[in-house]
PDB file of N, CA and C in Angstrom:
ATOM      1  N   MET A   1       0.843  -1.177   0.000  1.00  0.00           N
ATOM      2  CA  MET A   1       0.000   0.000   0.000  1.00  0.00           C
ATOM      3  C   MET A   1       0.890   1.242   0.000  1.00  0.00           C
ATOM      4  N   ASP A   2       0.480   2.226  -0.731  1.00  0.00           N
ATOM      5  CA  ASP A   2       1.245   3.458  -0.836  1.00  0.00           C
ATOM      6  C   ASP A   2       1.240   4.192   0.509  1.00  0.00           C
ATOM      7  N   GLN A   3       2.397   4.642   0.945  1.00  0.00           N
ATOM      8  CA  GLN A   3       2.524   5.296   2.245  1.00  0.00           C
ATOM      9  C   GLN A   3       1.740   6.604   2.316  1.00  0.00           C
ATOM     10  N   THR A   4       1.574   7.298   1.219  1.00  0.00           N
ATOM     11  CA  THR A   4       0.857   8.566   1.265  1.00  0.00           C
ATOM     12  C   THR A   4      -0.649   8.367   1.406  1.00  0.00           C
ATOM     13  N   LYS A   5      -1.161   7.197   1.071  1.00  0.00           N
ATOM     14  CA  LYS A   5      -2.592   6.933   1.143  1.00  0.00           C
ATOM     15  C   LYS A   5      -3.016   6.329   2.477  1.00  0.00           C
ATOM     16  N   ARG A   6      -2.064   5.912   3.301  1.00  0.00           N
ATOM     17  CA  ARG A   6      -2.411   5.307   4.583  1.00  0.00           C
ATOM     18  C   ARG A   6      -2.848   6.376   5.567  1.00  0.00           C
ATOM     19  N   TYR A   7      -3.767   6.004   6.421  1.00  0.00           N
ATOM     20  CA  TYR A   7      -4.246   6.921   7.456  1.00  0.00           C
ATOM     21  C   TYR A   7      -3.513   6.597   8.744  1.00  0.00           C
ATOM     22  N   GLU A   8      -2.859   7.586   9.305  1.00  0.00           N
ATOM     23  CA  GLU A   8      -2.077   7.387  10.520  1.00  0.00           C
ATOM     24  C   GLU A   8      -2.943   7.724  11.729  1.00  0.00           C
ATOM     25  N   LEU A   9      -3.216   6.731  12.547  1.00  0.00           N
ATOM     26  CA  LEU A   9      -4.054   6.923  13.722  1.00  0.00           C
ATOM     27  C   LEU A   9      -3.167   7.131  14.944  1.00  0.00           C
ATOM     28  N   SER A  10      -2.565   8.314  15.012  1.00  0.00           N
ATOM     29  CA  SER A  10      -1.747   8.686  16.159  1.00  0.00           C
ATOM     30  C   SER A  10      -1.883  10.187  16.359  1.00  0.00           C
ATOM     31  N   PHE A  11      -1.389  10.656  17.482  1.00  0.00           N
ATOM     32  CA  PHE A  11      -1.516  12.080  17.764  1.00  0.00           C
ATOM     33  C   PHE A  11      -0.541  12.934  16.963  1.00  0.00           C
ATOM     34  N   ARG A  12       0.292  12.322  16.151  1.00  0.00           N
ATOM     35  CA  ARG A  12       1.098  13.102  15.213  1.00  0.00           C
ATOM     36  C   ARG A  12       0.248  13.608  14.056  1.00  0.00           C
ATOM     37  N   ASN A  13      -0.872  12.953  13.824  1.00  0.00           N
ATOM     38  CA  ASN A  13      -1.801  13.353  12.776  1.00  0.00           C
ATOM     39  C   ASN A  13      -2.680  14.488  13.309  1.00  0.00           C
ATOM     40  N   PRO A  14      -2.675  15.651  12.654  1.00  0.00           N
ATOM     41  CA  PRO A  14      -3.475  16.772  13.166  1.00  0.00           C
ATOM     42  C   PRO A  14      -4.980  16.506  13.143  1.00  0.00           C
ATOM     43  N   GLU A  15      -5.450  15.671  12.231  1.00  0.00           N
ATOM     44  CA  GLU A  15      -6.879  15.359  12.199  1.00  0.00           C
ATOM     45  C   GLU A  15      -7.295  14.575  13.442  1.00  0.00           C
ATOM     46  N   VAL A  16      -6.455  13.678  13.891  1.00  0.00           N
ATOM     47  CA  VAL A  16      -6.758  12.905  15.099  1.00  0.00           C
ATOM     48  C   VAL A  16      -6.739  13.821  16.319  1.00  0.00           C
ATOM     49  N   ARG A  17      -5.785  14.738  16.366  1.00  0.00           N
ATOM     50  CA  ARG A  17      -5.709  15.667  17.503  1.00  0.00           C
ATOM     51  C   ARG A  17      -6.942  16.555  17.579  1.00  0.00           C
ATOM     52  N   VAL A  18      -7.368  17.095  16.449  1.00  0.00           N
ATOM     53  CA  VAL A  18      -8.538  17.979  16.455  1.00  0.00           C
ATOM     54  C   VAL A  18      -9.797  17.181  16.765  1.00  0.00           C
ATOM     55  N   TYR A  19      -9.898  15.967  16.254  1.00  0.00           N
ATOM     56  CA  TYR A  19     -11.047  15.119  16.564  1.00  0.00           C
ATOM     57  C   TYR A  19     -11.124  14.854  18.066  1.00  0.00           C
ATOM     58  N   ALA A  20      -9.983  14.520  18.647  1.00  0.00           N
ATOM     59  CA  ALA A  20      -9.958  14.247  20.086  1.00  0.00           C
ATOM     60  C   ALA A  20     -10.277  15.503  20.890  1.00  0.00           C
ATOM     61  N   ALA A  21      -9.844  16.649  20.402  1.00  0.00           N
ATOM     62  CA  ALA A  21     -10.071  17.898  21.135  1.00  0.00           C
ATOM     63  C   ALA A  21     -11.500  18.405  21.002  1.00  0.00           C
ATOM     64  N   THR A  22     -12.225  17.992  19.979  1.00  0.00           N
ATOM     65  CA  THR A  22     -13.596  18.484  19.815  1.00  0.00           C
ATOM     66  C   THR A  22     -14.645  17.452  20.200  1.00  0.00           C
ATOM     67  N   VAL A  23     -14.463  16.226  19.789  1.00  0.00           N
ATOM     68  CA  VAL A  23     -15.525  15.234  19.968  1.00  0.00           C
ATOM     69  C   VAL A  23     -15.529  14.635  21.373  1.00  0.00           C
ATOM     70  N   ILE A  24     -14.380  14.340  21.928  1.00  0.00           N
ATOM     71  CA  ILE A  24     -14.345  13.731  23.266  1.00  0.00           C
ATOM     72  C   ILE A  24     -14.944  14.661  24.326  1.00  0.00           C
ATOM     73  N   PRO A  25     -14.585  15.954  24.357  1.00  0.00           N
ATOM     74  CA  PRO A  25     -15.269  16.834  25.321  1.00  0.00           C
ATOM     75  C   PRO A  25     -16.767  16.973  25.053  1.00  0.00           C
ATOM     76  N   ALA A  26     -17.168  16.923  23.791  1.00  0.00           N
ATOM     77  CA  ALA A  26     -18.597  17.019  23.478  1.00  0.00           C
ATOM     78  C   ALA A  26     -19.350  15.792  23.985  1.00  0.00           C
ATOM     79  N   VAL A  27     -18.741  14.629  23.875  1.00  0.00           N
ATOM     80  CA  VAL A  27     -19.378  13.411  24.393  1.00  0.00           C
ATOM     81  C   VAL A  27     -19.497  13.490  25.912  1.00  0.00           C
ATOM     82  N   LEU A  28     -18.433  13.934  26.564  1.00  0.00           N
ATOM     83  CA  LEU A  28     -18.484  14.073  28.023  1.00  0.00           C
ATOM     84  C   LEU A  28     -19.514  15.116  28.451  1.00  0.00           C
ATOM     85  N   LEU A  29     -19.566  16.229  27.743  1.00  0.00           N
ATOM     86  CA  LEU A  29     -20.558  17.254  28.048  1.00  0.00           C
ATOM     87  C   LEU A  29     -21.974  16.734  27.811  1.00  0.00           C
ATOM     88  N   GLY A  30     -22.155  15.970  26.750  1.00  0.00           N
ATOM     89  CA  GLY A  30     -23.459  15.370  26.491  1.00  0.00           C
ATOM     90  C   GLY A  30     -23.881  14.410  27.589  1.00  0.00           C
ATOM     91  N   LEU A  31     -22.936  13.618  28.080  1.00  0.00           N
ATOM     92  CA  LEU A  31     -23.248  12.717  29.188  1.00  0.00           C
ATOM     93  C   LEU A  31     -23.615  13.489  30.452  1.00  0.00           C
ATOM     94  N   LEU A  32     -22.900  14.572  30.710  1.00  0.00           N
ATOM     95  CA  LEU A  32     -23.231  15.394  31.874  1.00  0.00           C
ATOM     96  C   LEU A  32     -24.607  16.030  31.736  1.00  0.00           C
ATOM     97  N   VAL A  33     -24.956  16.444  30.536  1.00  0.00           N
ATOM     98  CA  VAL A  33     -26.290  17.011  30.305  1.00  0.00           C
ATOM     99  C   VAL A  33     -27.356  15.952  30.552  1.00  0.00           C
ATOM    100  N   ILE A  34     -27.117  14.744  30.078  1.00  0.00           N
ATOM    101  CA  ILE A  34     -28.092  13.671  30.279  1.00  0.00           C
ATOM    102  C   ILE A  34     -28.244  13.349  31.765  1.00  0.00           C
ATOM    103  N   ILE A  35     -27.134  13.308  32.475  1.00  0.00           N
ATOM    104  CA  ILE A  35     -27.180  12.919  33.887  1.00  0.00           C
ATOM    105  C   ILE A  35     -27.793  14.013  34.756  1.00  0.00           C
ATOM    106  N   PHE A  36     -27.384  15.261  34.544  1.00  0.00           N
ATOM    107  CA  PHE A  36     -27.757  16.318  35.478  1.00  0.00           C
ATOM    108  C   PHE A  36     -28.897  17.220  35.017  1.00  0.00           C
ATOM    109  N   SER A  37     -29.380  17.061  33.822  1.00  0.00           N
ATOM    110  CA  SER A  37     -30.457  17.917  33.342  1.00  0.00           C
ATOM    111  C   SER A  37     -31.800  17.394  33.831  1.00  0.00           C
ATOM    112  N   SER A  38     -32.636  18.320  34.233  1.00  0.00           N
ATOM    113  CA  SER A  38     -33.973  17.924  34.677  1.00  0.00           C
ATOM    114  C   SER A  38     -35.008  18.144  33.575  1.00  0.00           C
ATOM    115  N   SER A  39     -34.539  18.497  32.400  1.00  0.00           N
ATOM    116  CA  SER A  39     -35.435  18.756  31.280  1.00  0.00           C
ATOM    117  C   SER A  39     -35.909  17.447  30.653  1.00  0.00           C
ATOM    118  N   ASP A  40     -37.040  17.522  29.987  1.00  0.00           N
ATOM    119  CA  ASP A  40     -37.545  16.359  29.263  1.00  0.00           C
ATOM    120  C   ASP A  40     -36.781  16.137  27.959  1.00  0.00           C
ATOM    121  N   PHE A  41     -36.051  17.142  27.523  1.00  0.00           N
ATOM    122  CA  PHE A  41     -35.343  17.080  26.251  1.00  0.00           C
ATOM    123  C   PHE A  41     -33.842  16.885  26.435  1.00  0.00           C
ATOM    124  N   ASN A  42     -33.413  16.300  27.543  1.00  0.00           N
ATOM    125  CA  ASN A  42     -31.981  16.203  27.809  1.00  0.00           C
ATOM    126  C   ASN A  42     -31.253  15.358  26.764  1.00  0.00           C
ATOM    127  N   PHE A  43     -31.880  14.316  26.226  1.00  0.00           N
ATOM    128  CA  PHE A  43     -31.228  13.522  25.185  1.00  0.00           C
ATOM    129  C   PHE A  43     -31.092  14.325  23.895  1.00  0.00           C
ATOM    130  N   MET A  44     -32.079  15.165  23.623  1.00  0.00           N
ATOM    131  CA  MET A  44     -32.009  15.998  22.429  1.00  0.00           C
ATOM    132  C   MET A  44     -30.900  17.043  22.572  1.00  0.00           C
ATOM    133  N   TYR A  45     -30.763  17.613  23.748  1.00  0.00           N
ATOM    134  CA  TYR A  45     -29.688  18.580  23.974  1.00  0.00           C
ATOM    135  C   TYR A  45     -28.320  17.917  23.837  1.00  0.00           C
ATOM    136  N   ALA A  46     -28.180  16.721  24.373  1.00  0.00           N
ATOM    137  CA  ALA A  46     -26.911  15.999  24.265  1.00  0.00           C
ATOM    138  C   ALA A  46     -26.603  15.667  22.809  1.00  0.00           C
ATOM    139  N   ALA A  47     -27.607  15.245  22.071  1.00  0.00           N
ATOM    140  CA  ALA A  47     -27.399  14.942  20.651  1.00  0.00           C
ATOM    141  C   ALA A  47     -27.057  16.208  19.872  1.00  0.00           C
ATOM    142  N   LEU A  48     -27.657  17.319  20.239  1.00  0.00           N
ATOM    143  CA  LEU A  48     -27.354  18.586  19.576  1.00  0.00           C
ATOM    144  C   LEU A  48     -25.911  19.010  19.834  1.00  0.00           C
ATOM    145  N   ILE A  49     -25.452  18.858  21.057  1.00  0.00           N
ATOM    146  CA  ILE A  49     -24.066  19.196  21.395  1.00  0.00           C
ATOM    147  C   ILE A  49     -23.101  18.339  20.584  1.00  0.00           C
ATOM    148  N   GLN A  50     -23.368  17.046  20.514  1.00  0.00           N
ATOM    149  CA  GLN A  50     -22.480  16.148  19.789  1.00  0.00           C
ATOM    150  C   GLN A  50     -22.547  16.379  18.278  1.00  0.00           C
ATOM    151  N   THR A  51     -23.715  16.723  17.774  1.00  0.00           N
ATOM    152  CA  THR A  51     -23.848  17.013  16.347  1.00  0.00           C
ATOM    153  C   THR A  51     -23.078  18.266  15.975  1.00  0.00           C
ATOM    154  N   ILE A  52     -23.161  19.286  16.805  1.00  0.00           N
ATOM    155  CA  ILE A  52     -22.415  20.518  16.544  1.00  0.00           C
ATOM    156  C   ILE A  52     -20.914  20.252  16.578  1.00  0.00           C
ATOM    157  N   ALA A  53     -20.470  19.429  17.516  1.00  0.00           N
ATOM    158  CA  ALA A  53     -19.046  19.101  17.596  1.00  0.00           C
ATOM    159  C   ALA A  53     -18.585  18.344  16.351  1.00  0.00           C
ATOM    160  N   LEU A  54     -19.360  17.371  15.911  1.00  0.00           N
ATOM    161  CA  LEU A  54     -18.984  16.619  14.709  1.00  0.00           C
ATOM    162  C   LEU A  54     -19.010  17.492  13.464  1.00  0.00           C
ATOM    163  N   MET A  55     -20.011  18.351  13.362  1.00  0.00           N
ATOM    164  CA  MET A  55     -20.085  19.237  12.202  1.00  0.00           C
ATOM    165  C   MET A  55     -18.912  20.207  12.177  1.00  0.00           C
ATOM    166  N   SER A  56     -18.538  20.720  13.336  1.00  0.00           N
ATOM    167  CA  SER A  56     -17.398  21.634  13.366  1.00  0.00           C
ATOM    168  C   SER A  56     -16.107  20.902  13.021  1.00  0.00           C
ATOM    169  N   PHE A  57     -15.970  19.648  13.484  1.00  0.00           N
ATOM    170  CA  PHE A  57     -14.781  18.881  13.121  1.00  0.00           C
ATOM    171  C   PHE A  57     -14.722  18.654  11.621  1.00  0.00           C
ATOM    172  N   TYR A  58     -15.811  18.212  11.004  1.00  0.00           N
ATOM    173  CA  TYR A  58     -15.782  17.929   9.570  1.00  0.00           C
ATOM    174  C   TYR A  58     -15.645  19.200   8.739  1.00  0.00           C
ATOM    175  N   PHE A  59     -16.154  20.313   9.231  1.00  0.00           N
ATOM    176  CA  PHE A  59     -15.934  21.587   8.553  1.00  0.00           C
ATOM    177  C   PHE A  59     -14.454  21.951   8.590  1.00  0.00           C
ATOM    178  N   TRP A  60     -13.831  21.791   9.766  1.00  0.00           N
ATOM    179  CA  TRP A  60     -12.399  22.064   9.876  1.00  0.00           C
ATOM    180  C   TRP A  60     -11.610  21.104   8.974  1.00  0.00           C
ATOM    181  N   ARG A  61     -11.997  19.833   8.952  1.00  0.00           N
ATOM    182  CA  ARG A  61     -11.292  18.832   8.145  1.00  0.00           C
ATOM    183  C   ARG A  61     -11.386  19.156   6.656  1.00  0.00           C
ATOM    184  N   PHE A  62     -12.553  19.614   6.223  1.00  0.00           N
ATOM    185  CA  PHE A  62     -12.731  20.004   4.826  1.00  0.00           C
ATOM    186  C   PHE A  62     -11.775  21.135   4.463  1.00  0.00           C
ATOM    187  N   ILE A  63     -11.703  22.161   5.304  1.00  0.00           N
ATOM    188  CA  ILE A  63     -10.810  23.290   5.053  1.00  0.00           C
ATOM    189  C   ILE A  63      -9.351  22.847   5.121  1.00  0.00           C
ATOM    190  N   TYR A  64      -9.020  22.009   6.100  1.00  0.00           N
ATOM    191  CA  TYR A  64      -7.645  21.536   6.263  1.00  0.00           C
ATOM    192  C   TYR A  64      -7.193  20.730   5.047  1.00  0.00           C
ATOM    193  N   ARG A  65      -8.025  19.818   4.588  1.00  0.00           N
ATOM    194  CA  ARG A  65      -7.633  18.994   3.434  1.00  0.00           C
ATOM    195  C   ARG A  65      -7.550  19.816   2.153  1.00  0.00           C
ATOM    196  N   ARG A  66      -8.414  20.794   2.015  1.00  0.00           N
ATOM    197  CA  ARG A  66      -8.334  21.663   0.844  1.00  0.00           C
ATOM    198  C   ARG A  66      -7.030  22.457   0.870  1.00  0.00           C
ATOM    199  N   LYS A  67      -6.669  22.953   2.052  1.00  0.00           N
ATOM    200  CA  LYS A  67      -5.422  23.703   2.186  1.00  0.00           C
ATOM    201  C   LYS A  67      -4.217  22.803   1.909  1.00  0.00           C
ATOM    202  N   GLU A  68      -4.253  21.565   2.393  1.00  0.00           N
ATOM    203  CA  GLU A  68      -3.156  20.628   2.152  1.00  0.00           C
ATOM    204  C   GLU A  68      -3.058  20.258   0.672  1.00  0.00           C
ATOM    205  N   LYS A  69      -4.187  20.146   0.009  1.00  0.00           N
ATOM    206  CA  LYS A  69      -4.183  19.783  -1.406  1.00  0.00           C
ATOM    207  C   LYS A  69      -3.560  20.898  -2.244  1.00  0.00           C
ATOM    208  N   PHE A  70      -3.870  22.139  -1.911  1.00  0.00           N
ATOM    209  CA  PHE A  70      -3.328  23.251  -2.684  1.00  0.00           C
ATOM    210  C   PHE A  70      -1.887  23.572  -2.306  1.00  0.00           C
ATOM    211  N   LYS A  71      -1.452  23.099  -1.145  1.00  0.00           N
ATOM    212  CA  LYS A  71      -0.075  23.340  -0.720  1.00  0.00           C
ATOM    213  C   LYS A  71       0.904  22.517  -1.545  1.00  0.00           C
ATOM    214  N   LYS A  72       0.482  21.329  -1.965  1.00  0.00           N
ATOM    215  CA  LYS A  72       1.388  20.420  -2.684  1.00  0.00           C
ATOM    216  C   LYS A  72       1.499  20.742  -4.135  1.00  0.00           C
TER     217      LYS A  72
END
């Protein structure tokens, strides 16, 4: 397999670092909302938090990959 096409799953990869920095706190925050919220919509709020985190990650990834493509 070509080395440039392999996906490196380590913290040297900036995509993995940004994913860990955005999605893991969002999951923890969503769990805290589910546990401590007295609202009837606590699962919806948790899903909204996680959806926003994933959307922001993929938006950043789109911009990052476009920038990397034009850099080469």
